[in-house]
C-alpha cells in the first residue's frame, strides 16, 4: 500500500471516529474548514495515528500541513 493510500485511510478513520461526514479524500483536499473540516481534536488523533504508523508526523515536527498533499509530501517517497 502506498503512503498516499495509508494517509487517506488514516484520514477516513479520523473522520469516522470524530463523527464527521464521510467524504471523498483527494490530494488537493484542504484539511480544515471547508475541506475535511478537521478540528483540534481531529488533528490530535491524526498526529497520533501518523506517529504510530510512520514513526514521525508533521505536527510534532512543527509543520502545519494545509492539504492532504502536504502530509503525503512530508513522507516523501515513503521512507519515513
Protein backbone atom coordinates (compact mmCIF):
# COMPACT_ATOMS: atom_id res chain seq x y z
CA UNK A 1 0.00 0.00 0.00
CA UNK A 2 1.36 3.42 -0.93
CA UNK A 3 1.99 6.21 1.58
CA UNK A 4 -0.81 8.20 -0.07
CA UNK A 5 -3.29 5.34 0.38
CA UNK A 6 -2.25 4.85 4.01
CA UNK A 7 -2.71 8.54 4.79
CA UNK A 8 -6.13 8.61 3.12
CA UNK A 9 -7.18 5.59 5.18
CA UNK A 10 -5.98 7.27 8.38
CA UNK A 11 -7.91 10.42 7.50
CA UNK A 12 -11.06 8.36 6.84
CA UNK A 13 -10.60 6.70 10.24
CA UNK A 14 -10.25 10.07 11.99
CA UNK A 15 -13.39 11.40 10.28
CA UNK A 16 -15.30 8.29 11.36
CA UNK A 17 -14.04 8.43 14.97
CA UNK A 18 -14.90 12.12 15.27
CA UNK A 19 -18.40 11.69 13.75
CA UNK A 20 -17.52 13.84 10.75
CA UNK A 21 -19.31 13.12 7.46
CA UNK A 22 -17.59 10.64 5.16
CA UNK A 23 -16.30 12.27 2.00
CA UNK A 24 -14.01 11.73 -0.93
CA UNK A 25 -10.42 12.44 0.06
CA UNK A 26 -8.12 13.69 -2.68
CA UNK A 27 -4.61 15.14 -2.54
CA UNK A 28 -5.91 18.65 -3.19
CA UNK A 29 -8.45 18.49 -0.35
CA UNK A 30 -7.88 21.10 2.38
CA UNK A 31 -7.66 19.57 5.85
CA UNK A 32 -9.55 22.28 7.74
CA UNK A 33 -12.63 24.50 7.44
CA UNK A 34 -14.41 23.97 4.11
CA UNK A 35 -12.25 20.96 3.26
CA UNK A 36 -12.32 17.92 5.55
CA UNK A 37 -13.29 20.12 8.49
CA UNK A 38 -10.65 18.81 10.87
CA UNK A 39 -10.66 20.49 14.28
CA UNK A 40 -8.04 20.36 17.04
CA UNK A 41 -9.30 17.01 18.36
CA UNK A 42 -9.14 15.50 14.86
CA UNK A 43 -5.62 16.86 14.38
CA UNK A 44 -4.51 15.35 17.70
CA UNK A 45 -5.84 11.94 16.67
CA UNK A 46 -4.36 12.24 13.19
CA UNK A 47 -0.97 13.21 14.64
CA UNK A 48 -1.01 10.16 16.93
CA UNK A 49 -2.01 7.82 14.08
CA UNK A 50 0.66 9.20 11.77
CA UNK A 51 3.28 8.86 14.52
CA UNK A 52 2.21 5.26 15.20
CA UNK A 53 2.19 4.35 11.51
CA UNK A 54 5.26 6.20 10.22
CA UNK A 55 7.27 6.86 13.43
CA UNK A 56 7.08 10.64 12.86
CA UNK A 57 4.48 13.20 11.92
CA UNK A 58 4.46 16.73 10.54
CA UNK A 59 2.66 18.24 13.54
CA UNK A 60 5.30 17.23 16.11
CA UNK A 61 7.97 18.40 13.65
CA UNK A 62 6.42 21.88 13.79
CA UNK A 63 4.82 21.72 10.34
CA UNK A 64 1.15 22.58 9.85
CA UNK A 65 0.01 20.91 6.63
CA UNK A 66 -2.87 22.60 4.81
CA UNK A 67 -3.82 19.82 2.36
CA UNK A 68 -3.68 16.04 2.10
CA UNK A 69 -0.85 16.51 -0.42
CA UNK A 70 1.17 18.39 2.24
CA UNK A 71 1.02 15.34 4.51
CA UNK A 72 1.95 12.97 1.68
CA UNK A 73 4.86 15.25 0.69
CA UNK A 74 6.13 15.23 4.31
CA UNK A 75 6.76 11.49 3.94
CA UNK A 76 8.37 11.84 0.52
CA UNK A 77 8.98 8.51 -1.12
CA UNK A 78 7.66 6.55 1.85
CA UNK A 79 10.98 6.13 3.63
CA UNK A 80 9.60 7.78 6.76
